[in-house]
Amino acid sequence: MQSVWLEVALNGPWGQRRQPLIPVRVHDIIAQGIACAHEGAAIIHVHAYDEESGIQNDDWQIYARIIEGIRKSCDVIVYPTIPLAGSSYAAKHTEQRFNHIHELAQRGLIDMTVLDPGSVNFVRYDQMADITQGFIYMNPTQDIRAGMVLATTYRLAPGYAIYEPGFTRLGAALVQEVKLTTGPVYRFMFSDEFAWGFPPKVSFLDAHLLQLAECAGKADWMIAGLGVDIRPLIPAALTRGGHVRVGLEDAPWGSDVDNAGWTKQAVEIIGKHGCRPATAAEVRTRLELI
């Protein structure tokens, strides 16, 4: 039976005004991470928050509490974000984007890291009347290289968010240049609410896969996105040998399904197509993290 990596992105930077069901407090993030792991998730992605202001705060000690709290109850891969450089969501200390990754990695708390190989305009369709609300998500080459050095030093699997097709080309080229110790995971980012990349259609998934095969061969990949219900695309991903990410970071704003619900529904779709959720140990083995 084909095993499928299931990742859940618990919250994102949006805040509860835009996504009311996301966890912000440490104990809520831990509880939801555990619940999703029990439903079948092998990977949990989190953003840490300042609990008083409700704004993202990438303090490594907050992340450490979250990671240790989840892993105390279940074997699951938990990894943090990095500041969304260029935005107002996490504008503080963006010049030191990977400091918390270094602190967590040297303590052996993480297996993966965010490493997005490219920059992109972030504008939502409902912001078109005032596009000044948008921003450029900036990943300059010096930041990408700094992240790759950390990934190589600490044997972390880089998570490539592929917002635009060119990200695959740059990411694959950099793998050859830097000689990563573990292969990256290419996350094809689809959206209905943001005006970048592709909408979640099978034809566009196939376009991503053609590009990936040409640039990176048989690399590991998954479907994901922001402002999107990715569930209808899961069957196509499974038949093509891919993996899946769901969760409230990725869901359309105002989702009335919580993280455990998104996870459970994804597991049901995976099971209906003759597959099963992979364990964290299976993911680590595939990525040569153990």
C-alpha atoms as a PDB file:
ATOM      1  CA  MET A   1       0.000   0.000   0.000  1.00  0.00           C
ATOM      2  CA  GLN A   2       1.374   3.391  -1.010  1.00  0.00           C
ATOM      3  CA  SER A   3       2.296   5.537   1.991  1.00  0.00           C
ATOM      4  CA  VAL A   4       1.527   9.257   1.701  1.00  0.00           C
ATOM      5  CA  TRP A   5       3.158  11.997   3.717  1.00  0.00           C
ATOM      6  CA  LEU A   6       0.485  14.137   5.309  1.00  0.00           C
ATOM      7  CA  GLU A   7       1.577  17.545   6.558  1.00  0.00           C
ATOM      8  CA  VAL A   8      -0.655  19.929   8.501  1.00  0.00           C
ATOM      9  CA  ALA A   9       0.092  23.666   8.599  1.00  0.00           C
ATOM     10  CA  LEU A  10      -1.613  24.698  11.818  1.00  0.00           C
ATOM     11  CA  ASN A  11      -1.850  28.474  11.714  1.00  0.00           C
ATOM     12  CA  GLY A  12       0.252  30.656   9.431  1.00  0.00           C
ATOM     13  CA  PRO A  13       0.784  34.375  10.061  1.00  0.00           C
ATOM     14  CA  TRP A  14      -2.802  35.454   9.429  1.00  0.00           C
ATOM     15  CA  GLY A  15      -4.003  36.032  12.991  1.00  0.00           C
ATOM     16  CA  GLN A  16      -7.389  35.054  14.337  1.00  0.00           C
ATOM     17  CA  ARG A  17      -9.182  38.024  12.771  1.00  0.00           C
ATOM     18  CA  ARG A  18      -8.630  36.494   9.333  1.00  0.00           C
ATOM     19  CA  GLN A  19      -8.632  32.820  10.340  1.00  0.00           C
ATOM     20  CA  PRO A  20     -10.574  32.557  13.636  1.00  0.00           C
ATOM     21  CA  LEU A  21      -9.915  28.849  14.324  1.00  0.00           C
ATOM     22  CA  ILE A  22      -6.114  28.995  14.176  1.00  0.00           C
ATOM     23  CA  PRO A  23      -4.197  28.299  17.402  1.00  0.00           C
ATOM     24  CA  VAL A  24      -2.109  31.203  18.698  1.00  0.00           C
ATOM     25  CA  ARG A  25      -1.311  30.328  22.324  1.00  0.00           C
ATOM     26  CA  VAL A  26       1.424  27.763  22.864  1.00  0.00           C
ATOM     27  CA  HIS A  27      -0.794  25.257  24.647  1.00  0.00           C
ATOM     28  CA  ASP A  28      -3.417  25.509  21.892  1.00  0.00           C
ATOM     29  CA  ILE A  29      -0.804  24.975  19.178  1.00  0.00           C
ATOM     30  CA  ILE A  30       0.489  21.929  21.062  1.00  0.00           C
ATOM     31  CA  ALA A  31      -2.996  20.508  21.543  1.00  0.00           C
ATOM     32  CA  GLN A  32      -3.927  20.917  17.882  1.00  0.00           C
ATOM     33  CA  GLY A  33      -0.602  19.493  16.722  1.00  0.00           C
ATOM     34  CA  ILE A  34      -1.144  16.393  18.845  1.00  0.00           C
ATOM     35  CA  ALA A  35      -4.717  16.034  17.613  1.00  0.00           C
ATOM     36  CA  CYS A  36      -3.584  16.168  13.980  1.00  0.00           C
ATOM     37  CA  ALA A  37      -0.803  13.653  14.629  1.00  0.00           C
ATOM     38  CA  HIS A  38      -3.336  11.276  16.157  1.00  0.00           C
ATOM     39  CA  GLU A  39      -5.484  11.655  13.038  1.00  0.00           C
ATOM     40  CA  GLY A  40      -2.574  10.613  10.818  1.00  0.00           C
ATOM     41  CA  ALA A  41      -0.309  13.614  10.157  1.00  0.00           C
ATOM     42  CA  ALA A  42       3.419  12.839  10.063  1.00  0.00           C
ATOM     43  CA  ILE A  43       4.544  16.471   9.669  1.00  0.00           C
ATOM     44  CA  ILE A  44       3.367  19.557  11.565  1.00  0.00           C
ATOM     45  CA  HIS A  45       4.261  23.079  10.422  1.00  0.00           C
ATOM     46  CA  VAL A  46       3.829  25.963  12.874  1.00  0.00           C
ATOM     47  CA  HIS A  47       4.144  29.713  13.286  1.00  0.00           C
ATOM     48  CA  ALA A  48       4.882  30.978  16.801  1.00  0.00           C
ATOM     49  CA  TYR A  49       2.983  33.974  18.135  1.00  0.00           C
ATOM     50  CA  ASP A  50       3.291  36.660  20.757  1.00  0.00           C
ATOM     51  CA  GLU A  51       0.245  35.749  22.799  1.00  0.00           C
ATOM     52  CA  GLU A  52      -0.538  39.298  23.930  1.00  0.00           C
ATOM     53  CA  SER A  53      -0.368  41.052  20.560  1.00  0.00           C
ATOM     54  CA  GLY A  54      -1.458  38.102  18.407  1.00  0.00           C
ATOM     55  CA  ILE A  55       1.411  38.810  15.986  1.00  0.00           C
ATOM     56  CA  GLN A  56       3.914  36.238  14.759  1.00  0.00           C
ATOM     57  CA  ASN A  57       7.038  36.057  16.921  1.00  0.00           C
ATOM     58  CA  ASP A  58       9.903  33.840  15.731  1.00  0.00           C
ATOM     59  CA  ASP A  59      11.564  33.452  19.136  1.00  0.00           C
ATOM     60  CA  TRP A  60      13.332  30.091  19.164  1.00  0.00           C
ATOM     61  CA  GLN A  61      12.304  29.497  22.780  1.00  0.00           C
ATOM     62  CA  ILE A  62       8.614  29.710  21.884  1.00  0.00           C
ATOM     63  CA  TYR A  63       9.176  27.249  19.060  1.00  0.00           C
ATOM     64  CA  ALA A  64      11.102  24.963  21.394  1.00  0.00           C
ATOM     65  CA  ARG A  65       8.170  24.857  23.812  1.00  0.00           C
ATOM     66  CA  ILE A  66       5.794  24.013  20.964  1.00  0.00           C
ATOM     67  CA  ILE A  67       8.017  21.326  19.449  1.00  0.00           C
ATOM     68  CA  GLU A  68       8.841  19.678  22.758  1.00  0.00           C
ATOM     69  CA  GLY A  69       5.200  19.818  23.820  1.00  0.00           C
ATOM     70  CA  ILE A  70       3.984  18.039  20.700  1.00  0.00           C
ATOM     71  CA  ARG A  71       6.798  15.502  20.539  1.00  0.00           C
ATOM     72  CA  LYS A  72       6.341  14.624  24.195  1.00  0.00           C
ATOM     73  CA  SER A  73       3.034  13.019  23.250  1.00  0.00           C
ATOM     74  CA  CYS A  74       3.687  11.642  19.747  1.00  0.00           C
ATOM     75  CA  ASP A  75       6.383  10.949  17.179  1.00  0.00           C
ATOM     76  CA  VAL A  76       5.866  13.594  14.543  1.00  0.00           C
ATOM     77  CA  ILE A  77       8.110  15.936  12.570  1.00  0.00           C
ATOM     78  CA  VAL A  78       7.520  19.524  13.735  1.00  0.00           C
ATOM     79  CA  TYR A  79       9.188  22.447  12.008  1.00  0.00           C
ATOM     80  CA  PRO A  80       8.869  26.258  12.191  1.00  0.00           C
ATOM     81  CA  THR A  81       8.439  28.965   9.616  1.00  0.00           C
ATOM     82  CA  ILE A  82      10.814  31.843   8.931  1.00  0.00           C
ATOM     83  CA  PRO A  83       9.778  35.533   8.903  1.00  0.00           C
ATOM     84  CA  LEU A  84       7.677  36.463   5.875  1.00  0.00           C
ATOM     85  CA  ALA A  85      10.170  39.089   4.708  1.00  0.00           C
ATOM     86  CA  GLY A  86       8.556  42.076   3.037  1.00  0.00           C
ATOM     87  CA  SER A  87       5.228  41.717   4.838  1.00  0.00           C
ATOM     88  CA  SER A  88       3.693  43.301   7.922  1.00  0.00           C
ATOM     89  CA  TYR A  89       2.861  39.865   9.335  1.00  0.00           C
ATOM     90  CA  ALA A  90       6.318  39.247  10.744  1.00  0.00           C
ATOM     91  CA  ALA A  91       8.312  42.364  10.013  1.00  0.00           C
ATOM     92  CA  LYS A  92      10.626  42.299  13.033  1.00  0.00           C
ATOM     93  CA  HIS A  93      14.174  40.988  12.732  1.00  0.00           C
ATOM     94  CA  THR A  94      13.793  39.860   9.128  1.00  0.00           C
ATOM     95  CA  GLU A  95      17.511  40.552   8.707  1.00  0.00           C
ATOM     96  CA  GLN A  96      18.112  37.556  10.975  1.00  0.00           C
ATOM     97  CA  ARG A  97      15.626  35.189   9.384  1.00  0.00           C
ATOM     98  CA  PHE A  98      17.346  31.934  10.264  1.00  0.00           C
ATOM     99  CA  ASN A  99      18.549  32.645  13.825  1.00  0.00           C
ATOM    100  CA  HIS A 100      15.820  30.534  15.387  1.00  0.00           C
ATOM    101  CA  ILE A 101      16.496  27.717  12.914  1.00  0.00           C
ATOM    102  CA  HIS A 102      20.131  27.665  14.050  1.00  0.00           C
ATOM    103  CA  GLU A 103      19.154  27.614  17.727  1.00  0.00           C
ATOM    104  CA  LEU A 104      16.609  24.822  17.269  1.00  0.00           C
ATOM    105  CA  ALA A 105      18.804  22.742  14.968  1.00  0.00           C
ATOM    106  CA  GLN A 106      21.832  22.779  17.236  1.00  0.00           C
ATOM    107  CA  ARG A 107      19.594  21.438  20.006  1.00  0.00           C
ATOM    108  CA  GLY A 108      18.353  18.631  17.785  1.00  0.00           C
ATOM    109  CA  LEU A 109      14.746  19.824  17.820  1.00  0.00           C
ATOM    110  CA  ILE A 110      14.020  20.029  14.090  1.00  0.00           C
ATOM    111  CA  ASP A 111      14.407  17.834  11.008  1.00  0.00           C
ATOM    112  CA  MET A 112      13.144  20.286   8.385  1.00  0.00           C
ATOM    113  CA  THR A 113      13.344  23.975   7.547  1.00  0.00           C
ATOM    114  CA  VAL A 114      11.544  26.463   5.303  1.00  0.00           C
ATOM    115  CA  LEU A 115      13.716  27.444   2.355  1.00  0.00           C
ATOM    116  CA  ASP A 116      11.729  29.134  -0.410  1.00  0.00           C
ATOM    117  CA  PRO A 117      13.792  29.545  -3.624  1.00  0.00           C
ATOM    118  CA  GLY A 118      12.386  32.782  -4.999  1.00  0.00           C
ATOM    119  CA  SER A 119      10.404  35.969  -4.412  1.00  0.00           C
ATOM    120  CA  VAL A 120       6.802  36.686  -5.369  1.00  0.00           C
ATOM    121  CA  ASN A 121       4.099  39.373  -5.257  1.00  0.00           C
ATOM    122  CA  PHE A 122       1.496  38.580  -2.595  1.00  0.00           C
ATOM    123  CA  VAL A 123      -1.845  40.135  -3.511  1.00  0.00           C
ATOM    124  CA  ARG A 124      -5.284  38.696  -2.808  1.00  0.00           C
ATOM    125  CA  TYR A 125      -8.115  39.022  -5.281  1.00  0.00           C
ATOM    126  CA  ASP A 126     -10.235  40.715  -2.616  1.00  0.00           C
ATOM    127  CA  GLN A 127      -7.488  43.367  -2.272  1.00  0.00           C
ATOM    128  CA  MET A 128      -7.488  44.440  -5.907  1.00  0.00           C
ATOM    129  CA  ALA A 129      -9.335  47.676  -5.136  1.00  0.00           C
ATOM    130  CA  ASP A 130      -6.388  48.636  -2.929  1.00  0.00           C
ATOM    131  CA  ILE A 131      -3.321  46.694  -4.021  1.00  0.00           C
ATOM    132  CA  THR A 132      -1.171  48.663  -1.589  1.00  0.00           C
ATOM    133  CA  GLN A 133      -2.307  45.998   0.889  1.00  0.00           C
ATOM    134  CA  GLY A 134      -0.141  43.509  -0.991  1.00  0.00           C
ATOM    135  CA  PHE A 135       3.605  43.023  -0.582  1.00  0.00           C
ATOM    136  CA  ILE A 136       6.605  41.314  -2.144  1.00  0.00           C
ATOM    137  CA  TYR A 137       7.562  38.131  -0.305  1.00  0.00           C
ATOM    138  CA  MET A 138      11.316  38.527  -0.523  1.00  0.00           C
ATOM    139  CA  ASN A 139      13.829  35.716  -0.612  1.00  0.00           C
ATOM    140  CA  PRO A 140      17.036  37.251  -1.927  1.00  0.00           C
ATOM    141  CA  THR A 141      19.759  34.872  -2.995  1.00  0.00           C
ATOM    142  CA  GLN A 142      21.887  35.630   0.058  1.00  0.00           C
ATOM    143  CA  ASP A 143      19.017  34.513   2.316  1.00  0.00           C
ATOM    144  CA  ILE A 144      18.481  31.346   0.292  1.00  0.00           C
ATOM    145  CA  ARG A 145      22.176  30.510   0.475  1.00  0.00           C
ATOM    146  CA  ALA A 146      22.250  31.159   4.254  1.00  0.00           C
ATOM    147  CA  GLY A 147      19.344  28.767   4.685  1.00  0.00           C
ATOM    148  CA  MET A 148      21.053  26.140   2.545  1.00  0.00           C
ATOM    149  CA  VAL A 149      24.229  26.366   4.610  1.00  0.00           C
ATOM    150  CA  LEU A 150      22.186  25.726   7.755  1.00  0.00           C
ATOM    151  CA  ALA A 151      20.349  22.845   6.104  1.00  0.00           C
ATOM    152  CA  THR A 152      23.661  21.257   5.117  1.00  0.00           C
ATOM    153  CA  THR A 153      25.346  21.911   8.471  1.00  0.00           C
ATOM    154  CA  TYR A 154      22.535  20.407  10.545  1.00  0.00           C
ATOM    155  CA  ARG A 155      21.216  17.857   8.030  1.00  0.00           C
ATOM    156  CA  LEU A 156      17.807  19.475   7.684  1.00  0.00           C
ATOM    157  CA  ALA A 157      15.422  18.701   4.843  1.00  0.00           C
ATOM    158  CA  PRO A 158      14.598  21.983   3.057  1.00  0.00           C
ATOM    159  CA  GLY A 159      10.953  22.640   2.323  1.00  0.00           C
ATOM    160  CA  TYR A 160      10.667  24.475  -0.997  1.00  0.00           C
ATOM    161  CA  ALA A 161       7.394  26.395  -1.329  1.00  0.00           C
ATOM    162  CA  ILE A 162       6.962  26.624  -5.110  1.00  0.00           C
ATOM    163  CA  TYR A 163       4.774  29.708  -5.562  1.00  0.00           C
ATOM    164  CA  GLU A 164       5.806  30.176  -9.186  1.00  0.00           C
ATOM    165  CA  PRO A 165       7.248  27.599 -11.630  1.00  0.00           C
ATOM    166  CA  GLY A 166      10.606  29.360 -11.757  1.00  0.00           C
ATOM    167  CA  PHE A 167      11.135  28.516  -8.081  1.00  0.00           C
ATOM    168  CA  THR A 168      11.607  24.879  -9.119  1.00  0.00           C
ATOM    169  CA  ARG A 169      14.330  25.769 -11.596  1.00  0.00           C
ATOM    170  CA  LEU A 170      16.273  27.917  -9.126  1.00  0.00           C
ATOM    171  CA  GLY A 171      15.801  25.477  -6.255  1.00  0.00           C
ATOM    172  CA  ALA A 172      16.988  22.516  -8.310  1.00  0.00           C
ATOM    173  CA  ALA A 173      20.011  24.433  -9.627  1.00  0.00           C
ATOM    174  CA  LEU A 174      21.015  25.429  -6.105  1.00  0.00           C
ATOM    175  CA  VAL A 175      20.834  21.809  -4.943  1.00  0.00           C
ATOM    176  CA  GLN A 176      23.539  20.989  -7.471  1.00  0.00           C
ATOM    177  CA  GLU A 177      25.640  23.977  -6.451  1.00  0.00           C
ATOM    178  CA  VAL A 178      25.434  23.628  -2.672  1.00  0.00           C
ATOM    179  CA  LYS A 179      25.336  19.813  -2.488  1.00  0.00           C
ATOM    180  CA  LEU A 180      22.655  19.490   0.179  1.00  0.00           C
ATOM    181  CA  THR A 181      22.975  16.545   2.544  1.00  0.00           C
ATOM    182  CA  THR A 182      19.260  15.766   2.155  1.00  0.00           C
ATOM    183  CA  GLY A 183      16.987  16.343  -0.803  1.00  0.00           C
ATOM    184  CA  PRO A 184      14.439  19.168  -0.697  1.00  0.00           C
ATOM    185  CA  VAL A 185      10.687  18.619  -0.596  1.00  0.00           C
ATOM    186  CA  TYR A 186       9.003  20.586  -3.381  1.00  0.00           C
ATOM    187  CA  ARG A 187       5.631  21.953  -2.206  1.00  0.00           C
ATOM    188  CA  PHE A 188       3.571  23.095  -5.163  1.00  0.00           C
ATOM    189  CA  MET A 189       1.610  26.080  -3.886  1.00  0.00           C
ATOM    190  CA  PHE A 190      -1.838  26.516  -5.439  1.00  0.00           C
ATOM    191  CA  SER A 191      -4.342  29.253  -4.654  1.00  0.00           C
ATOM    192  CA  ASP A 192      -7.822  30.534  -5.348  1.00  0.00           C
ATOM    193  CA  GLU A 193      -7.555  33.639  -3.144  1.00  0.00           C
ATOM    194  CA  PHE A 194      -4.061  34.903  -4.030  1.00  0.00           C
ATOM    195  CA  ALA A 195      -3.089  36.181  -7.486  1.00  0.00           C
ATOM    196  CA  TRP A 196       0.095  34.169  -7.912  1.00  0.00           C
ATOM    197  CA  GLY A 197       0.943  30.740  -9.265  1.00  0.00           C
ATOM    198  CA  PHE A 198      -1.733  28.340 -10.405  1.00  0.00           C
ATOM    199  CA  PRO A 199      -5.288  27.527  -9.281  1.00  0.00           C
ATOM    200  CA  PRO A 200      -5.735  23.932  -8.035  1.00  0.00           C
ATOM    201  CA  LYS A 201      -6.314  22.154 -11.336  1.00  0.00           C
ATOM    202  CA  VAL A 202      -4.899  18.832 -12.523  1.00  0.00           C
ATOM    203  CA  SER A 203      -3.492  20.360 -15.707  1.00  0.00           C
ATOM    204  CA  PHE A 204      -1.417  22.797 -13.668  1.00  0.00           C
ATOM    205  CA  LEU A 205      -0.204  20.039 -11.356  1.00  0.00           C
ATOM    206  CA  ASP A 206       0.994  18.199 -14.447  1.00  0.00           C
ATOM    207  CA  ALA A 207       2.806  21.332 -15.614  1.00  0.00           C
ATOM    208  CA  HIS A 208       4.622  21.514 -12.266  1.00  0.00           C
ATOM    209  CA  LEU A 209       5.561  17.848 -12.543  1.00  0.00           C
ATOM    210  CA  LEU A 210       6.940  18.242 -16.068  1.00  0.00           C
ATOM    211  CA  GLN A 211       9.140  21.069 -14.840  1.00  0.00           C
ATOM    212  CA  LEU A 212      10.228  19.094 -11.774  1.00  0.00           C
ATOM    213  CA  ALA A 213      11.134  16.006 -13.811  1.00  0.00           C
ATOM    214  CA  GLU A 214      13.238  18.085 -16.164  1.00  0.00           C
ATOM    215  CA  CYS A 215      15.036  19.981 -13.393  1.00  0.00           C
ATOM    216  CA  ALA A 216      15.257  17.552 -10.491  1.00  0.00           C
ATOM    217  CA  GLY A 217      14.349  14.052 -11.636  1.00  0.00           C
ATOM    218  CA  LYS A 218      12.529  11.942  -9.063  1.00  0.00           C
ATOM    219  CA  ALA A 219      12.360  14.490  -6.248  1.00  0.00           C
ATOM    220  CA  ASP A 220       9.859  14.315  -3.380  1.00  0.00           C
ATOM    221  CA  TRP A 221       6.883  16.641  -3.796  1.00  0.00           C
ATOM    222  CA  MET A 222       3.512  17.499  -2.333  1.00  0.00           C
ATOM    223  CA  ILE A 223       0.501  19.642  -3.094  1.00  0.00           C
ATOM    224  CA  ALA A 224      -0.224  22.595  -0.830  1.00  0.00           C
ATOM    225  CA  GLY A 225      -1.250  26.225  -1.139  1.00  0.00           C
ATOM    226  CA  LEU A 226      -2.623  29.312   0.537  1.00  0.00           C
ATOM    227  CA  GLY A 227      -6.214  30.465   0.374  1.00  0.00           C
ATOM    228  CA  VAL A 228      -7.250  27.182  -1.182  1.00  0.00           C
ATOM    229  CA  ASP A 229      -9.228  24.012  -0.567  1.00  0.00           C
ATOM    230  CA  ILE A 230      -6.700  21.488  -1.820  1.00  0.00           C
ATOM    231  CA  ARG A 231      -8.869  18.414  -1.168  1.00  0.00           C
ATOM    232  CA  PRO A 232     -10.250  18.026  -4.734  1.00  0.00           C
ATOM    233  CA  LEU A 233      -6.676  17.815  -6.045  1.00  0.00           C
ATOM    234  CA  ILE A 234      -5.584  15.063  -3.620  1.00  0.00           C
ATOM    235  CA  PRO A 235      -6.672  12.098  -5.823  1.00  0.00           C
ATOM    236  CA  ALA A 236      -4.619  13.393  -8.751  1.00  0.00           C
ATOM    237  CA  ALA A 237      -1.602  13.887  -6.492  1.00  0.00           C
ATOM    238  CA  LEU A 238      -1.886  10.346  -5.144  1.00  0.00           C
ATOM    239  CA  THR A 239      -2.070   8.732  -8.582  1.00  0.00           C
ATOM    240  CA  ARG A 240       1.084  10.648  -9.540  1.00  0.00           C
ATOM    241  CA  GLY A 241       3.028   9.574  -6.450  1.00  0.00           C
ATOM    242  CA  GLY A 242       2.796  12.828  -4.505  1.00  0.00           C
ATOM    243  CA  HIS A 243       2.138  13.862  -0.937  1.00  0.00           C
ATOM    244  CA  VAL A 244      -0.328  16.238   0.701  1.00  0.00           C
ATOM    245  CA  ARG A 245      -0.457  19.294   2.964  1.00  0.00           C
ATOM    246  CA  VAL A 246      -3.631  20.687   4.524  1.00  0.00           C
ATOM    247  CA  GLY A 247      -4.454  22.886   7.528  1.00  0.00           C
ATOM    248  CA  LEU A 248      -5.707  26.294   8.534  1.00  0.00           C
ATOM    249  CA  GLU A 249      -2.656  28.162   7.268  1.00  0.00           C
ATOM    250  CA  ASP A 250      -3.533  26.988   3.776  1.00  0.00           C
ATOM    251  CA  ALA A 251      -7.345  26.978   3.961  1.00  0.00           C
ATOM    252  CA  PRO A 252      -9.542  29.796   2.663  1.00  0.00           C
ATOM    253  CA  TRP A 253      -9.850  32.538   5.257  1.00  0.00           C
ATOM    254  CA  GLY A 254     -12.808  32.064   7.574  1.00  0.00           C
ATOM    255  CA  SER A 255     -12.697  28.255   7.394  1.00  0.00           C
ATOM    256  CA  ASP A 256     -15.284  26.560   9.593  1.00  0.00           C
ATOM    257  CA  VAL A 257     -13.284  23.304   9.562  1.00  0.00           C
ATOM    258  CA  ASP A 258     -10.574  23.055  12.233  1.00  0.00           C
ATOM    259  CA  ASN A 259      -7.134  21.519  11.820  1.00  0.00           C
ATOM    260  CA  ALA A 260      -8.182  18.093  13.070  1.00  0.00           C
ATOM    261  CA  GLY A 261     -11.104  18.194  10.639  1.00  0.00           C
ATOM    262  CA  TRP A 262      -8.881  19.051   7.673  1.00  0.00           C
ATOM    263  CA  THR A 263      -6.538  16.239   8.683  1.00  0.00           C
ATOM    264  CA  LYS A 264      -9.307  13.693   9.112  1.00  0.00           C
ATOM    265  CA  GLN A 265     -10.843  14.512   5.739  1.00  0.00           C
ATOM    266  CA  ALA A 266      -7.470  14.255   4.015  1.00  0.00           C
ATOM    267  CA  VAL A 267      -6.877  10.853   5.629  1.00  0.00           C
ATOM    268  CA  GLU A 268     -10.285   9.688   4.427  1.00  0.00           C
ATOM    269  CA  ILE A 269      -9.472  10.703   0.847  1.00  0.00           C
ATOM    270  CA  ILE A 270      -6.076   9.006   1.065  1.00  0.00           C
ATOM    271  CA  GLY A 271      -7.707   5.801   2.338  1.00  0.00           C
ATOM    272  CA  LYS A 272     -10.395   5.804  -0.355  1.00  0.00           C
ATOM    273  CA  HIS A 273      -7.677   5.755  -2.981  1.00  0.00           C
ATOM    274  CA  GLY A 274      -5.916   2.700  -1.583  1.00  0.00           C
ATOM    275  CA  CYS A 275      -3.179   4.579   0.251  1.00  0.00           C
ATOM    276  CA  ARG A 276      -2.293   5.149   3.887  1.00  0.00           C
ATOM    277  CA  PRO A 277      -0.701   8.033   5.816  1.00  0.00           C
ATOM    278  CA  ALA A 278       3.043   7.589   6.298  1.00  0.00           C
ATOM    279  CA  THR A 279       4.599   7.622   9.747  1.00  0.00           C
ATOM    280  CA  ALA A 280       7.148  10.216  10.771  1.00  0.00           C
ATOM    281  CA  ALA A 281       9.775   7.457  10.858  1.00  0.00           C
ATOM    282  CA  GLU A 282       9.029   6.606   7.223  1.00  0.00           C
ATOM    283  CA  VAL A 283       9.425  10.243   6.199  1.00  0.00           C
ATOM    284  CA  ARG A 284      12.730  10.539   8.063  1.00  0.00           C
ATOM    285  CA  THR A 285      13.990   7.354   6.444  1.00  0.00           C
ATOM    286  CA  ARG A 286      13.072   8.519   2.946  1.00  0.00           C
ATOM    287  CA  LEU A 287      14.788  11.894   3.521  1.00  0.00           C
ATOM    288  CA  GLU A 288      17.789  10.182   5.147  1.00  0.00           C
ATOM    289  CA  LEU A 289      17.303  12.141   8.352  1.00  0.00           C
ATOM    290  CA  ILE A 290      18.060   9.111  10.535  1.00  0.00           C
END
